[in-house]
C-alpha atoms as a PDB file:
ATOM      1  CA  MET A   1       5.731 -11.231   3.911  1.00  0.00           C
ATOM      2  CA  ILE A   2       4.098  -7.917   4.651  1.00  0.00           C
ATOM      3  CA  LEU A   3       0.340  -7.548   4.926  1.00  0.00           C
ATOM      4  CA  ASP A   4      -1.252  -4.228   5.890  1.00  0.00           C
ATOM      5  CA  ASP A   5      -4.310  -5.891   7.390  1.00  0.00           C
ATOM      6  CA  VAL A   6      -5.144  -8.369  10.136  1.00  0.00           C
ATOM      7  CA  PHE A   7      -4.365 -12.065   9.669  1.00  0.00           C
ATOM      8  CA  PRO A   8      -6.209 -14.358   9.522  1.00  0.00           C
ATOM      9  CA  PRO A   9      -8.325 -14.254   7.391  1.00  0.00           C
ATOM     10  CA  ASP A  10      -6.625 -13.623   4.069  1.00  0.00           C
ATOM     11  CA  PRO A  11      -6.612 -16.780   1.944  1.00  0.00           C
ATOM     12  CA  ARG A  12      -4.332 -15.378  -0.773  1.00  0.00           C
ATOM     13  CA  VAL A  13      -1.610 -14.603   1.791  1.00  0.00           C
ATOM     14  CA  GLU A  14      -2.059 -17.934   3.549  1.00  0.00           C
ATOM     15  CA  ASN A  15      -1.963 -19.866   0.251  1.00  0.00           C
ATOM     16  CA  GLU A  16       1.210 -18.050  -0.865  1.00  0.00           C
ATOM     17  CA  ALA A  17       2.869 -18.595   2.516  1.00  0.00           C
ATOM     18  CA  ILE A  18       2.025 -22.305   2.556  1.00  0.00           C
ATOM     19  CA  THR A  19       3.352 -22.677  -1.001  1.00  0.00           C
ATOM     20  CA  LEU A  20       6.633 -21.071   0.088  1.00  0.00           C
ATOM     21  CA  ILE A  21       6.816 -23.272   3.197  1.00  0.00           C
ATOM     22  CA  ASN A  22       6.192 -26.375   1.071  1.00  0.00           C
ATOM     23  CA  GLY A  23       9.042 -25.185  -1.147  1.00  0.00           C
ATOM     24  CA  GLY A  24      11.402 -25.223   1.825  1.00  0.00           C
ATOM     25  CA  TYR A  25      11.273 -21.524   2.771  1.00  0.00           C
ATOM     26  CA  GLU A  26      10.879 -20.112   6.251  1.00  0.00           C
ATOM     27  CA  VAL A  27       7.992 -17.628   6.216  1.00  0.00           C
ATOM     28  CA  PHE A  28       7.610 -14.632   8.524  1.00  0.00           C
ATOM     29  CA  LEU A  29       4.472 -12.516   8.218  1.00  0.00           C
ATOM     30  CA  PHE A  30       4.171  -8.872   9.272  1.00  0.00           C
ATOM     31  CA  CYS A  31       0.529  -7.959   9.813  1.00  0.00           C
ATOM     32  CA  LEU A  32      -1.638  -5.657  11.884  1.00  0.00           C
ATOM     33  CA  ASN A  33      -3.236  -6.336  15.257  1.00  0.00           C
ATOM     34  CA  ASN A  34      -6.595  -4.846  16.136  1.00  0.00           C
ATOM     35  CA  GLY A  35      -5.915  -5.569  19.809  1.00  0.00           C
ATOM     36  CA  SER A  36      -7.717  -8.894  20.088  1.00  0.00           C
ATOM     37  CA  GLN A  37      -5.000 -11.131  18.631  1.00  0.00           C
ATOM     38  CA  LYS A  38      -1.706 -12.516  19.934  1.00  0.00           C
ATOM     39  CA  THR A  39       1.402 -10.493  19.077  1.00  0.00           C
ATOM     40  CA  ASN A  40       3.345 -13.598  18.040  1.00  0.00           C
ATOM     41  CA  GLU A  41       1.749 -16.732  16.691  1.00  0.00           C
ATOM     42  CA  LEU A  42       2.510 -19.762  14.541  1.00  0.00           C
ATOM     43  CA  ILE A  43      -0.274 -20.784  12.124  1.00  0.00           C
ATOM     44  CA  ASN A  44       0.265 -23.567   9.568  1.00  0.00           C
ATOM     45  CA  GLY A  45       4.027 -22.992   9.772  1.00  0.00           C
ATOM     46  CA  ILE A  46       3.691 -19.218   9.201  1.00  0.00           C
ATOM     47  CA  LYS A  47       5.596 -17.213  11.836  1.00  0.00           C
ATOM     48  CA  ILE A  48       3.272 -14.289  12.467  1.00  0.00           C
ATOM     49  CA  ARG A  49       4.280 -11.000  14.103  1.00  0.00           C
ATOM     50  CA  ARG A  50       1.419  -8.573  14.657  1.00  0.00           C
ATOM     51  CA  TYR A  51       1.827  -4.832  15.201  1.00  0.00           C
ATOM     52  CA  LYS A  52      -0.793  -2.678  16.890  1.00  0.00           C
ATOM     53  CA  PHE A  53      -2.622  -0.052  14.891  1.00  0.00           C
ATOM     54  CA  SER A  54      -5.476   2.340  15.496  1.00  0.00           C
ATOM     55  CA  LYS A  55      -8.646   2.670  13.447  1.00  0.00           C
ATOM     56  CA  LEU A  56      -7.335   6.013  12.194  1.00  0.00           C
ATOM     57  CA  THR A  57      -4.113   4.387  10.992  1.00  0.00           C
ATOM     58  CA  TYR A  58      -6.103   1.731   9.172  1.00  0.00           C
ATOM     59  CA  LYS A  59      -8.282   4.368   7.495  1.00  0.00           C
ATOM     60  CA  LEU A  60      -5.158   6.272   6.418  1.00  0.00           C
ATOM     61  CA  SER A  61      -4.034   3.162   4.531  1.00  0.00           C
ATOM     62  CA  ALA A  62      -6.645   3.971   1.881  1.00  0.00           C
ATOM     63  CA  LEU A  63      -4.770   7.216   1.221  1.00  0.00           C
ATOM     64  CA  SER A  64      -1.279   5.713   1.397  1.00  0.00           C
ATOM     65  CA  TYR A  65      -0.539   6.601  -2.228  1.00  0.00           C
ATOM     66  CA  ASP A  66      -1.658  10.210  -1.766  1.00  0.00           C
ATOM     67  CA  LEU A  67      -0.539  11.177   1.750  1.00  0.00           C
ATOM     68  CA  PRO A  68       2.733  10.329   3.499  1.00  0.00           C
ATOM     69  CA  PHE A  69       1.221   9.842   6.989  1.00  0.00           C
ATOM     70  CA  TYR A  70       0.552   6.128   6.634  1.00  0.00           C
ATOM     71  CA  LYS A  71       4.076   5.428   5.394  1.00  0.00           C
ATOM     72  CA  MET A  72       5.509   7.469   8.266  1.00  0.00           C
ATOM     73  CA  ILE A  73       3.527   5.393  10.771  1.00  0.00           C
ATOM     74  CA  MET A  74       4.226   1.999   9.219  1.00  0.00           C
ATOM     75  CA  ARG A  75       7.893   2.392   8.221  1.00  0.00           C
ATOM     76  CA  PRO A  76       9.313   2.030  11.777  1.00  0.00           C
ATOM     77  CA  LYS A  77       7.142  -1.042  12.404  1.00  0.00           C
ATOM     78  CA  ILE A  78       8.226  -2.706   9.169  1.00  0.00           C
ATOM     79  CA  ASN A  79      11.887  -1.842   9.811  1.00  0.00           C
ATOM     80  CA  HIS A  80      11.613  -3.399  13.286  1.00  0.00           C
ATOM     81  CA  PHE A  81      10.080  -6.545  11.793  1.00  0.00           C
ATOM     82  CA  ILE A  82      12.854  -6.874   9.196  1.00  0.00           C
ATOM     83  CA  LYS A  83      15.661  -6.321  11.713  1.00  0.00           C
ATOM     84  CA  LYS A  84      14.133  -8.603  14.343  1.00  0.00           C
ATOM     85  CA  ASN A  85      13.712 -11.464  11.893  1.00  0.00           C
ATOM     86  CA  ASN A  86      16.939 -10.744   9.986  1.00  0.00           C
ATOM     87  CA  ARG A  87      15.149 -10.980   6.654  1.00  0.00           C
ATOM     88  CA  ASN A  88      16.441  -9.662   3.359  1.00  0.00           C
ATOM     89  CA  ILE A  89      13.482 -10.386   1.064  1.00  0.00           C
ATOM     90  CA  GLN A  90       9.979  -8.923   1.426  1.00  0.00           C
ATOM     91  CA  TRP A  91       6.774 -10.066  -0.220  1.00  0.00           C
ATOM     92  CA  ASN A  92       4.328  -7.186  -0.051  1.00  0.00           C
ATOM     93  CA  PHE A  93       0.598  -7.813  -0.398  1.00  0.00           C
ATOM     94  CA  LYS A  94      -1.164  -4.521  -1.134  1.00  0.00           C
ATOM     95  CA  LYS A  95      -4.375  -4.094  -3.085  1.00  0.00           C
ATOM     96  CA  GLY A  96      -4.040  -7.432  -4.853  1.00  0.00           C
ATOM     97  CA  THR A  97      -0.442  -7.017  -6.019  1.00  0.00           C
ATOM     98  CA  ARG A  98       2.666  -8.873  -4.996  1.00  0.00           C
ATOM     99  CA  LYS A  99       6.069  -7.231  -4.976  1.00  0.00           C
ATOM    100  CA  ASN A 100       9.433  -8.790  -4.325  1.00  0.00           C
ATOM    101  CA  LYS A 101      11.926  -6.325  -2.868  1.00  0.00           C
ATOM    102  CA  GLU A 102      15.452  -6.839  -1.619  1.00  0.00           C
ATOM    103  CA  THR A 103      16.347  -4.808   1.450  1.00  0.00           C
ATOM    104  CA  LYS A 104      19.756  -3.397   2.319  1.00  0.00           C
ATOM    105  CA  GLN A 105      21.555  -5.018   5.208  1.00  0.00           C
END
């Protein structure tokens, strides 16, 4: 799962992750770290990997559909997460939508 915010709290992401875990899936969550959280953590069976970001990066996320800067900053982090966890399916939580995307291996 990919969340472009800090975790916790985000009940919709946690509820979806727990539903997947209860269905027998292994859940890895990419999320952002404001500097006060652990880089790796296990919460309710969710394997969390946090990536550092600056306040400027977070503010750029509001313009992610208009300007390419945010995507340029986040793409290497997301690629690292996918390769490190050897995942081939992504669930992307962005502005209340959920997308299922297969990645090339």
